[in-house]
Amino acid sequence: MSEERNSLTQPTGSIPLVLVEWLDSLQPVQSWSYFSDLPKLDVARCRTVGWVVNEDDSVLMLAQNVADLEDSDPQGSGYMRIPKVCITKQERLK
């Protein structure tokens, strides 16, 4: 577990705050419909702001809230995992 938390135990200034633009699927259509009446081919274009608390080659994990960053074991909540193949833009914020 300590390897998973490496990025959480960095000094306060080294946990980047980012704006991520990414694509997500739309909610499934719940009712039956004929193929001749299919919904539009579309995706949801999303924007999320958060602190990068973990990532690997395929997933970026953001925390919406962070606390106790000066402590040896900071806290976070509102963790969101975004598949990197869905990310269209990532910008570091100040």
PDB file of N, CA and C in Angstrom:
ATOM      1  N   MET A   1       0.812  -1.188   0.000  1.00  0.00           N
ATOM      2  CA  MET A   1       0.000   0.000   0.000  1.00  0.00           C
ATOM      3  C   MET A   1       0.859   1.256   0.000  1.00  0.00           C
ATOM      4  N   SER A   2       2.039   1.217   0.578  1.00  0.00           N
ATOM      5  CA  SER A   2       2.865   2.420   0.633  1.00  0.00           C
ATOM      6  C   SER A   2       3.248   2.903  -0.764  1.00  0.00           C
ATOM      7  N   GLU A   3       3.461   1.997  -1.726  1.00  0.00           N
ATOM      8  CA  GLU A   3       3.754   2.424  -3.090  1.00  0.00           C
ATOM      9  C   GLU A   3       2.588   3.180  -3.680  1.00  0.00           C
ATOM     10  N   GLU A   4       1.364   2.762  -3.395  1.00  0.00           N
ATOM     11  CA  GLU A   4       0.172   3.434  -3.898  1.00  0.00           C
ATOM     12  C   GLU A   4       0.056   4.841  -3.342  1.00  0.00           C
ATOM     13  N   ARG A   5       0.615   5.111  -2.172  1.00  0.00           N
ATOM     14  CA  ARG A   5       0.440   6.396  -1.517  1.00  0.00           C
ATOM     15  C   ARG A   5       1.646   7.302  -1.654  1.00  0.00           C
ATOM     16  N   ASN A   6       2.629   6.939  -2.486  1.00  0.00           N
ATOM     17  CA  ASN A   6       3.824   7.763  -2.618  1.00  0.00           C
ATOM     18  C   ASN A   6       3.500   9.210  -2.924  1.00  0.00           C
ATOM     19  N   SER A   7       2.610   9.457  -3.880  1.00  0.00           N
ATOM     20  CA  SER A   7       2.337  10.831  -4.271  1.00  0.00           C
ATOM     21  C   SER A   7       1.589  11.584  -3.181  1.00  0.00           C
ATOM     22  N   LEU A   8       0.942  10.897  -2.264  1.00  0.00           N
ATOM     23  CA  LEU A   8       0.214  11.567  -1.189  1.00  0.00           C
ATOM     24  C   LEU A   8       1.148  12.086  -0.102  1.00  0.00           C
ATOM     25  N   THR A   9       2.342  11.554  -0.032  1.00  0.00           N
ATOM     26  CA  THR A   9       3.236  11.929   1.055  1.00  0.00           C
ATOM     27  C   THR A   9       4.313  12.906   0.614  1.00  0.00           C
ATOM     28  N   GLN A  10       4.113  13.562  -0.522  1.00  0.00           N
ATOM     29  CA  GLN A  10       5.062  14.556  -0.993  1.00  0.00           C
ATOM     30  C   GLN A  10       4.840  15.869  -0.249  1.00  0.00           C
ATOM     31  N   PRO A  11       5.820  16.765  -0.248  1.00  0.00           N
ATOM     32  CA  PRO A  11       5.644  18.072   0.376  1.00  0.00           C
ATOM     33  C   PRO A  11       4.487  18.836  -0.256  1.00  0.00           C
ATOM     34  N   THR A  12       3.908  19.750   0.487  1.00  0.00           N
ATOM     35  CA  THR A  12       2.723  20.496   0.084  1.00  0.00           C
ATOM     36  C   THR A  12       2.796  21.044  -1.333  1.00  0.00           C
ATOM     37  N   GLY A  13       3.879  21.716  -1.690  1.00  0.00           N
ATOM     38  CA  GLY A  13       3.965  22.371  -2.978  1.00  0.00           C
ATOM     39  C   GLY A  13       4.121  21.436  -4.163  1.00  0.00           C
ATOM     40  N   SER A  14       4.364  20.160  -3.926  1.00  0.00           N
ATOM     41  CA  SER A  14       4.637  19.258  -5.043  1.00  0.00           C
ATOM     42  C   SER A  14       3.422  18.441  -5.463  1.00  0.00           C
ATOM     43  N   ILE A  15       2.286  18.638  -4.833  1.00  0.00           N
ATOM     44  CA  ILE A  15       1.068  17.952  -5.267  1.00  0.00           C
ATOM     45  C   ILE A  15       0.369  18.875  -6.255  1.00  0.00           C
ATOM     46  N   PRO A  16       0.430  18.562  -7.558  1.00  0.00           N
ATOM     47  CA  PRO A  16      -0.082  19.492  -8.559  1.00  0.00           C
ATOM     48  C   PRO A  16      -1.608  19.591  -8.561  1.00  0.00           C
ATOM     49  N   LEU A  17      -2.072  20.817  -8.728  1.00  0.00           N
ATOM     50  CA  LEU A  17      -3.485  21.104  -8.945  1.00  0.00           C
ATOM     51  C   LEU A  17      -3.663  21.238 -10.445  1.00  0.00           C
ATOM     52  N   VAL A  18      -4.604  20.482 -11.025  1.00  0.00           N
ATOM     53  CA  VAL A  18      -4.746  20.456 -12.479  1.00  0.00           C
ATOM     54  C   VAL A  18      -6.199  20.631 -12.912  1.00  0.00           C
ATOM     55  N   LEU A  19      -6.348  21.115 -14.136  1.00  0.00           N
ATOM     56  CA  LEU A  19      -7.630  21.107 -14.839  1.00  0.00           C
ATOM     57  C   LEU A  19      -7.502  20.030 -15.905  1.00  0.00           C
ATOM     58  N   VAL A  20      -8.425  19.074 -15.891  1.00  0.00           N
ATOM     59  CA  VAL A  20      -8.399  17.973 -16.839  1.00  0.00           C
ATOM     60  C   VAL A  20      -9.660  18.037 -17.695  1.00  0.00           C
ATOM     61  N   GLU A  21      -9.478  18.024 -18.999  1.00  0.00           N
ATOM     62  CA  GLU A  21     -10.597  17.904 -19.926  1.00  0.00           C
ATOM     63  C   GLU A  21     -10.591  16.476 -20.442  1.00  0.00           C
ATOM     64  N   TRP A  22     -11.765  15.828 -20.405  1.00  0.00           N
ATOM     65  CA  TRP A  22     -11.820  14.420 -20.755  1.00  0.00           C
ATOM     66  C   TRP A  22     -13.196  14.057 -21.308  1.00  0.00           C
ATOM     67  N   LEU A  23     -13.259  12.926 -21.951  1.00  0.00           N
ATOM     68  CA  LEU A  23     -14.492  12.443 -22.567  1.00  0.00           C
ATOM     69  C   LEU A  23     -15.059  11.294 -21.760  1.00  0.00           C
ATOM     70  N   ASP A  24     -16.383  11.291 -21.630  1.00  0.00           N
ATOM     71  CA  ASP A  24     -17.072  10.228 -20.895  1.00  0.00           C
ATOM     72  C   ASP A  24     -18.271   9.771 -21.713  1.00  0.00           C
ATOM     73  N   SER A  25     -18.706   8.569 -21.468  1.00  0.00           N
ATOM     74  CA  SER A  25     -19.898   8.080 -22.151  1.00  0.00           C
ATOM     75  C   SER A  25     -21.134   8.735 -21.533  1.00  0.00           C
ATOM     76  N   LEU A  26     -22.171   8.847 -22.325  1.00  0.00           N
ATOM     77  CA  LEU A  26     -23.426   9.374 -21.810  1.00  0.00           C
ATOM     78  C   LEU A  26     -24.189   8.257 -21.123  1.00  0.00           C
ATOM     79  N   GLN A  27     -25.156   8.629 -20.322  1.00  0.00           N
ATOM     80  CA  GLN A  27     -25.962   7.639 -19.607  1.00  0.00           C
ATOM     81  C   GLN A  27     -26.652   6.716 -20.602  1.00  0.00           C
ATOM     82  N   PRO A  28     -26.690   5.426 -20.325  1.00  0.00           N
ATOM     83  CA  PRO A  28     -27.358   4.504 -21.240  1.00  0.00           C
ATOM     84  C   PRO A  28     -28.833   4.863 -21.423  1.00  0.00           C
ATOM     85  N   VAL A  29     -29.341   4.618 -22.622  1.00  0.00           N
ATOM     86  CA  VAL A  29     -30.767   4.806 -22.894  1.00  0.00           C
ATOM     87  C   VAL A  29     -31.483   3.592 -22.311  1.00  0.00           C
ATOM     88  N   GLN A  30     -32.427   3.835 -21.427  1.00  0.00           N
ATOM     89  CA  GLN A  30     -33.047   2.758 -20.657  1.00  0.00           C
ATOM     90  C   GLN A  30     -34.138   1.992 -21.395  1.00  0.00           C
ATOM     91  N   SER A  31     -34.770   2.616 -22.355  1.00  0.00           N
ATOM     92  CA  SER A  31     -35.915   1.953 -22.988  1.00  0.00           C
ATOM     93  C   SER A  31     -35.518   1.303 -24.313  1.00  0.00           C
ATOM     94  N   TRP A  32     -36.362   0.394 -24.749  1.00  0.00           N
ATOM     95  CA  TRP A  32     -36.179  -0.234 -26.046  1.00  0.00           C
ATOM     96  C   TRP A  32     -36.451   0.800 -27.122  1.00  0.00           C
ATOM     97  N   SER A  33     -35.691   0.712 -28.220  1.00  0.00           N
ATOM     98  CA  SER A  33     -35.964   1.569 -29.373  1.00  0.00           C
ATOM     99  C   SER A  33     -35.518   0.836 -30.637  1.00  0.00           C
ATOM    100  N   TYR A  34     -36.117   1.218 -31.732  1.00  0.00           N
ATOM    101  CA  TYR A  34     -35.745   0.635 -33.018  1.00  0.00           C
ATOM    102  C   TYR A  34     -34.417   1.209 -33.476  1.00  0.00           C
ATOM    103  N   PHE A  35     -33.664   0.420 -34.201  1.00  0.00           N
ATOM    104  CA  PHE A  35     -32.378   0.893 -34.708  1.00  0.00           C
ATOM    105  C   PHE A  35     -32.552   2.118 -35.595  1.00  0.00           C
ATOM    106  N   SER A  36     -33.705   2.240 -36.216  1.00  0.00           N
ATOM    107  CA  SER A  36     -33.955   3.398 -37.069  1.00  0.00           C
ATOM    108  C   SER A  36     -34.160   4.672 -36.254  1.00  0.00           C
ATOM    109  N   ASP A  37     -34.286   4.522 -34.929  1.00  0.00           N
ATOM    110  CA  ASP A  37     -34.521   5.667 -34.039  1.00  0.00           C
ATOM    111  C   ASP A  37     -33.459   5.734 -32.935  1.00  0.00           C
ATOM    112  N   LEU A  38     -32.221   5.418 -33.280  1.00  0.00           N
ATOM    113  CA  LEU A  38     -31.131   5.403 -32.298  1.00  0.00           C
ATOM    114  C   LEU A  38     -30.814   6.820 -31.813  1.00  0.00           C
ATOM    115  N   PRO A  39     -30.316   6.950 -30.571  1.00  0.00           N
ATOM    116  CA  PRO A  39     -29.861   8.269 -30.097  1.00  0.00           C
ATOM    117  C   PRO A  39     -28.611   8.698 -30.869  1.00  0.00           C
ATOM    118  N   LYS A  40     -28.304   9.982 -30.785  1.00  0.00           N
ATOM    119  CA  LYS A  40     -27.118  10.517 -31.465  1.00  0.00           C
ATOM    120  C   LYS A  40     -25.851   9.847 -30.937  1.00  0.00           C
ATOM    121  N   LEU A  41     -24.877   9.722 -31.817  1.00  0.00           N
ATOM    122  CA  LEU A  41     -23.547   9.273 -31.391  1.00  0.00           C
ATOM    123  C   LEU A  41     -22.873  10.486 -30.761  1.00  0.00           C
ATOM    124  N   ASP A  42     -22.774  10.504 -29.465  1.00  0.00           N
ATOM    125  CA  ASP A  42     -22.234  11.658 -28.768  1.00  0.00           C
ATOM    126  C   ASP A  42     -21.587  11.208 -27.464  1.00  0.00           C
ATOM    127  N   VAL A  43     -20.724  12.040 -26.945  1.00  0.00           N
ATOM    128  CA  VAL A  43     -20.091  11.793 -25.653  1.00  0.00           C
ATOM    129  C   VAL A  43     -20.234  13.037 -24.797  1.00  0.00           C
ATOM    130  N   ALA A  44     -20.024  12.886 -23.509  1.00  0.00           N
ATOM    131  CA  ALA A  44     -20.029  14.027 -22.603  1.00  0.00           C
ATOM    132  C   ALA A  44     -18.618  14.600 -22.536  1.00  0.00           C
ATOM    133  N   ARG A  45     -18.489  15.875 -22.777  1.00  0.00           N
ATOM    134  CA  ARG A  45     -17.197  16.562 -22.670  1.00  0.00           C
ATOM    135  C   ARG A  45     -17.117  17.135 -21.261  1.00  0.00           C
ATOM    136  N   CYS A  46     -16.196  16.621 -20.474  1.00  0.00           N
ATOM    137  CA  CYS A  46     -16.126  16.937 -19.043  1.00  0.00           C
ATOM    138  C   CYS A  46     -14.888  17.760 -18.721  1.00  0.00           C
ATOM    139  N   ARG A  47     -14.987  18.529 -17.644  1.00  0.00           N
ATOM    140  CA  ARG A  47     -13.844  19.247 -17.074  1.00  0.00           C
ATOM    141  C   ARG A  47     -13.848  18.986 -15.581  1.00  0.00           C
ATOM    142  N   THR A  48     -12.678  18.651 -15.067  1.00  0.00           N
ATOM    143  CA  THR A  48     -12.537  18.362 -13.646  1.00  0.00           C
ATOM    144  C   THR A  48     -11.289  19.052 -13.129  1.00  0.00           C
ATOM    145  N   VAL A  49     -11.389  19.664 -11.951  1.00  0.00           N
ATOM    146  CA  VAL A  49     -10.243  20.272 -11.279  1.00  0.00           C
ATOM    147  C   VAL A  49      -9.967  19.464 -10.022  1.00  0.00           C
ATOM    148  N   GLY A  50      -8.709  19.151  -9.774  1.00  0.00           N
ATOM    149  CA  GLY A  50      -8.344  18.428  -8.564  1.00  0.00           C
ATOM    150  C   GLY A  50      -6.853  18.306  -8.417  1.00  0.00           C
ATOM    151  N   TRP A  51      -6.449  17.765  -7.277  1.00  0.00           N
ATOM    152  CA  TRP A  51      -5.032  17.529  -6.989  1.00  0.00           C
ATOM    153  C   TRP A  51      -4.671  16.123  -7.446  1.00  0.00           C
ATOM    154  N   VAL A  52      -3.557  16.007  -8.154  1.00  0.00           N
ATOM    155  CA  VAL A  52      -3.086  14.696  -8.625  1.00  0.00           C
ATOM    156  C   VAL A  52      -2.478  13.970  -7.432  1.00  0.00           C
ATOM    157  N   VAL A  53      -3.158  12.926  -6.977  1.00  0.00           N
ATOM    158  CA  VAL A  53      -2.665  12.179  -5.815  1.00  0.00           C
ATOM    159  C   VAL A  53      -2.093  10.820  -6.188  1.00  0.00           C
ATOM    160  N   ASN A  54      -2.373  10.377  -7.422  1.00  0.00           N
ATOM    161  CA  ASN A  54      -1.790   9.106  -7.871  1.00  0.00           C
ATOM    162  C   ASN A  54      -2.034   8.968  -9.363  1.00  0.00           C
ATOM    163  N   GLU A  55      -1.164   8.219 -10.006  1.00  0.00           N
ATOM    164  CA  GLU A  55      -1.369   7.888 -11.412  1.00  0.00           C
ATOM    165  C   GLU A  55      -0.448   6.755 -11.803  1.00  0.00           C
ATOM    166  N   ASP A  56      -0.833   6.095 -12.885  1.00  0.00           N
ATOM    167  CA  ASP A  56       0.042   5.121 -13.515  1.00  0.00           C
ATOM    168  C   ASP A  56      -0.068   5.333 -15.016  1.00  0.00           C
ATOM    169  N   ASP A  57       0.344   4.367 -15.804  1.00  0.00           N
ATOM    170  CA  ASP A  57       0.330   4.545 -17.253  1.00  0.00           C
ATOM    171  C   ASP A  57      -1.076   4.675 -17.824  1.00  0.00           C
ATOM    172  N   SER A  58      -2.092   4.193 -17.102  1.00  0.00           N
ATOM    173  CA  SER A  58      -3.434   4.175 -17.679  1.00  0.00           C
ATOM    174  C   SER A  58      -4.475   5.002 -16.933  1.00  0.00           C
ATOM    175  N   VAL A  59      -4.204   5.393 -15.694  1.00  0.00           N
ATOM    176  CA  VAL A  59      -5.224   6.092 -14.898  1.00  0.00           C
ATOM    177  C   VAL A  59      -4.615   7.286 -14.169  1.00  0.00           C
ATOM    178  N   LEU A  60      -5.359   8.390 -14.144  1.00  0.00           N
ATOM    179  CA  LEU A  60      -5.015   9.574 -13.370  1.00  0.00           C
ATOM    180  C   LEU A  60      -6.013   9.675 -12.226  1.00  0.00           C
ATOM    181  N   MET A  61      -5.527   9.778 -10.981  1.00  0.00           N
ATOM    182  CA  MET A  61      -6.415   9.908  -9.827  1.00  0.00           C
ATOM    183  C   MET A  61      -6.296  11.309  -9.244  1.00  0.00           C
ATOM    184  N   LEU A  62      -7.445  11.980  -9.139  1.00  0.00           N
ATOM    185  CA  LEU A  62      -7.507  13.313  -8.560  1.00  0.00           C
ATOM    186  C   LEU A  62      -8.259  13.257  -7.247  1.00  0.00           C
ATOM    187  N   ALA A  63      -7.905  14.161  -6.335  1.00  0.00           N
ATOM    188  CA  ALA A  63      -8.674  14.364  -5.109  1.00  0.00           C
ATOM    189  C   ALA A  63      -9.336  15.725  -5.228  1.00  0.00           C
ATOM    190  N   GLN A  64     -10.612  15.780  -4.966  1.00  0.00           N
ATOM    191  CA  GLN A  64     -11.334  17.050  -5.014  1.00  0.00           C
ATOM    192  C   GLN A  64     -11.017  17.907  -3.790  1.00  0.00           C
ATOM    193  N   ASN A  65     -10.676  17.270  -2.702  1.00  0.00           N
ATOM    194  CA  ASN A  65     -10.379  17.962  -1.446  1.00  0.00           C
ATOM    195  C   ASN A  65      -9.130  17.363  -0.827  1.00  0.00           C
ATOM    196  N   VAL A  66      -8.276  18.217  -0.251  1.00  0.00           N
ATOM    197  CA  VAL A  66      -7.090  17.743   0.458  1.00  0.00           C
ATOM    198  C   VAL A  66      -6.975  18.475   1.788  1.00  0.00           C
ATOM    199  N   ALA A  67      -6.340  17.820   2.739  1.00  0.00           N
ATOM    200  CA  ALA A  67      -6.149  18.413   4.067  1.00  0.00           C
ATOM    201  C   ALA A  67      -4.887  17.847   4.693  1.00  0.00           C
ATOM    202  N   ASP A  68      -4.365  18.561   5.680  1.00  0.00           N
ATOM    203  CA  ASP A  68      -3.207  18.108   6.448  1.00  0.00           C
ATOM    204  C   ASP A  68      -2.004  17.800   5.560  1.00  0.00           C
ATOM    205  N   LEU A  69      -1.777  18.625   4.533  1.00  0.00           N
ATOM    206  CA  LEU A  69      -0.690  18.367   3.594  1.00  0.00           C
ATOM    207  C   LEU A  69       0.682  18.459   4.249  1.00  0.00           C
ATOM    208  N   GLU A  70       0.781  19.161   5.353  1.00  0.00           N
ATOM    209  CA  GLU A  70       2.055  19.283   6.047  1.00  0.00           C
ATOM    210  C   GLU A  70       2.365  18.054   6.895  1.00  0.00           C
ATOM    211  N   ASP A  71       1.365  17.224   7.168  1.00  0.00           N
ATOM    212  CA  ASP A  71       1.550  16.022   7.978  1.00  0.00           C
ATOM    213  C   ASP A  71       2.218  14.921   7.162  1.00  0.00           C
ATOM    214  N   SER A  72       2.684  13.891   7.850  1.00  0.00           N
ATOM    215  CA  SER A  72       3.346  12.781   7.168  1.00  0.00           C
ATOM    216  C   SER A  72       2.341  11.905   6.413  1.00  0.00           C
ATOM    217  N   ASP A  73       1.064  12.003   6.766  1.00  0.00           N
ATOM    218  CA  ASP A  73       0.034  11.213   6.095  1.00  0.00           C
ATOM    219  C   ASP A  73      -1.166  12.114   5.799  1.00  0.00           C
ATOM    220  N   PRO A  74      -1.105  12.904   4.707  1.00  0.00           N
ATOM    221  CA  PRO A  74      -2.199  13.824   4.382  1.00  0.00           C
ATOM    222  C   PRO A  74      -3.505  13.082   4.132  1.00  0.00           C
ATOM    223  N   GLN A  75      -4.594  13.863   4.093  1.00  0.00           N
ATOM    224  CA  GLN A  75      -5.913  13.299   3.836  1.00  0.00           C
ATOM    225  C   GLN A  75      -6.472  13.860   2.530  1.00  0.00           C
ATOM    226  N   GLY A  76      -7.366  13.113   1.927  1.00  0.00           N
ATOM    227  CA  GLY A  76      -8.074  13.574   0.752  1.00  0.00           C
ATOM    228  C   GLY A  76      -9.457  12.972   0.716  1.00  0.00           C
ATOM    229  N   SER A  77     -10.322  13.583  -0.089  1.00  0.00           N
ATOM    230  CA  SER A  77     -11.652  13.014  -0.310  1.00  0.00           C
ATOM    231  C   SER A  77     -12.111  13.387  -1.707  1.00  0.00           C
ATOM    232  N   GLY A  78     -13.151  12.744  -2.145  1.00  0.00           N
ATOM    233  CA  GLY A  78     -13.665  12.982  -3.477  1.00  0.00           C
ATOM    234  C   GLY A  78     -12.726  12.481  -4.551  1.00  0.00           C
ATOM    235  N   TYR A  79     -12.141  11.298  -4.334  1.00  0.00           N
ATOM    236  CA  TYR A  79     -11.195  10.743  -5.300  1.00  0.00           C
ATOM    237  C   TYR A  79     -11.912  10.391  -6.602  1.00  0.00           C
ATOM    238  N   MET A  80     -11.295  10.779  -7.708  1.00  0.00           N
ATOM    239  CA  MET A  80     -11.848  10.481  -9.025  1.00  0.00           C
ATOM    240  C   MET A  80     -10.756   9.867  -9.881  1.00  0.00           C
ATOM    241  N   ARG A  81     -11.089   8.755 -10.528  1.00  0.00           N
ATOM    242  CA  ARG A  81     -10.139   8.073 -11.404  1.00  0.00           C
ATOM    243  C   ARG A  81     -10.588   8.281 -12.847  1.00  0.00           C
ATOM    244  N   ILE A  82      -9.698   8.849 -13.649  1.00  0.00           N
ATOM    245  CA  ILE A  82     -10.009   9.123 -15.049  1.00  0.00           C
ATOM    246  C   ILE A  82      -9.068   8.295 -15.922  1.00  0.00           C
ATOM    247  N   PRO A  83      -9.623   7.455 -16.811  1.00  0.00           N
ATOM    248  CA  PRO A  83      -8.748   6.710 -17.729  1.00  0.00           C
ATOM    249  C   PRO A  83      -7.987   7.689 -18.621  1.00  0.00           C
ATOM    250  N   LYS A  84      -6.681   7.508 -18.738  1.00  0.00           N
ATOM    251  CA  LYS A  84      -5.871   8.441 -19.520  1.00  0.00           C
ATOM    252  C   LYS A  84      -6.248   8.461 -21.001  1.00  0.00           C
ATOM    253  N   VAL A  85      -6.788   7.372 -21.523  1.00  0.00           N
ATOM    254  CA  VAL A  85      -7.207   7.374 -22.926  1.00  0.00           C
ATOM    255  C   VAL A  85      -8.374   8.333 -23.155  1.00  0.00           C
ATOM    256  N   CYS A  86      -9.061   8.741 -22.091  1.00  0.00           N
ATOM    257  CA  CYS A  86     -10.195   9.668 -22.202  1.00  0.00           C
ATOM    258  C   CYS A  86      -9.766  11.130 -22.068  1.00  0.00           C
ATOM    259  N   ILE A  87      -8.528  11.386 -21.629  1.00  0.00           N
ATOM    260  CA  ILE A  87      -8.074  12.750 -21.389  1.00  0.00           C
ATOM    261  C   ILE A  87      -7.688  13.400 -22.718  1.00  0.00           C
ATOM    262  N   THR A  88      -8.277  14.587 -22.958  1.00  0.00           N
ATOM    263  CA  THR A  88      -7.967  15.337 -24.168  1.00  0.00           C
ATOM    264  C   THR A  88      -7.036  16.507 -23.879  1.00  0.00           C
ATOM    265  N   LYS A  89      -6.996  16.966 -22.636  1.00  0.00           N
ATOM    266  CA  LYS A  89      -6.125  18.090 -22.270  1.00  0.00           C
ATOM    267  C   LYS A  89      -5.928  18.073 -20.751  1.00  0.00           C
ATOM    268  N   GLN A  90      -4.722  18.426 -20.331  1.00  0.00           N
ATOM    269  CA  GLN A  90      -4.413  18.542 -18.902  1.00  0.00           C
ATOM    270  C   GLN A  90      -3.549  19.768 -18.710  1.00  0.00           C
ATOM    271  N   GLU A  91      -3.959  20.625 -17.788  1.00  0.00           N
ATOM    272  CA  GLU A  91      -3.253  21.896 -17.550  1.00  0.00           C
ATOM    273  C   GLU A  91      -2.986  22.060 -16.060  1.00  0.00           C
ATOM    274  N   ARG A  92      -1.739  22.329 -15.725  1.00  0.00           N
ATOM    275  CA  ARG A  92      -1.391  22.564 -14.323  1.00  0.00           C
ATOM    276  C   ARG A  92      -1.840  23.970 -13.918  1.00  0.00           C
ATOM    277  N   LEU A  93      -2.495  24.076 -12.776  1.00  0.00           N
ATOM    278  CA  LEU A  93      -2.979  25.355 -12.264  1.00  0.00           C
ATOM    279  C   LEU A  93      -2.058  25.866 -11.172  1.00  0.00           C
ATOM    280  N   LYS A  94      -2.098  27.172 -10.943  1.00  0.00           N
ATOM    281  CA  LYS A  94      -1.289  27.779  -9.876  1.00  0.00           C
ATOM    282  C   LYS A  94      -2.157  28.074  -8.680  1.00  0.00           C
TER     283      LYS A  94
END
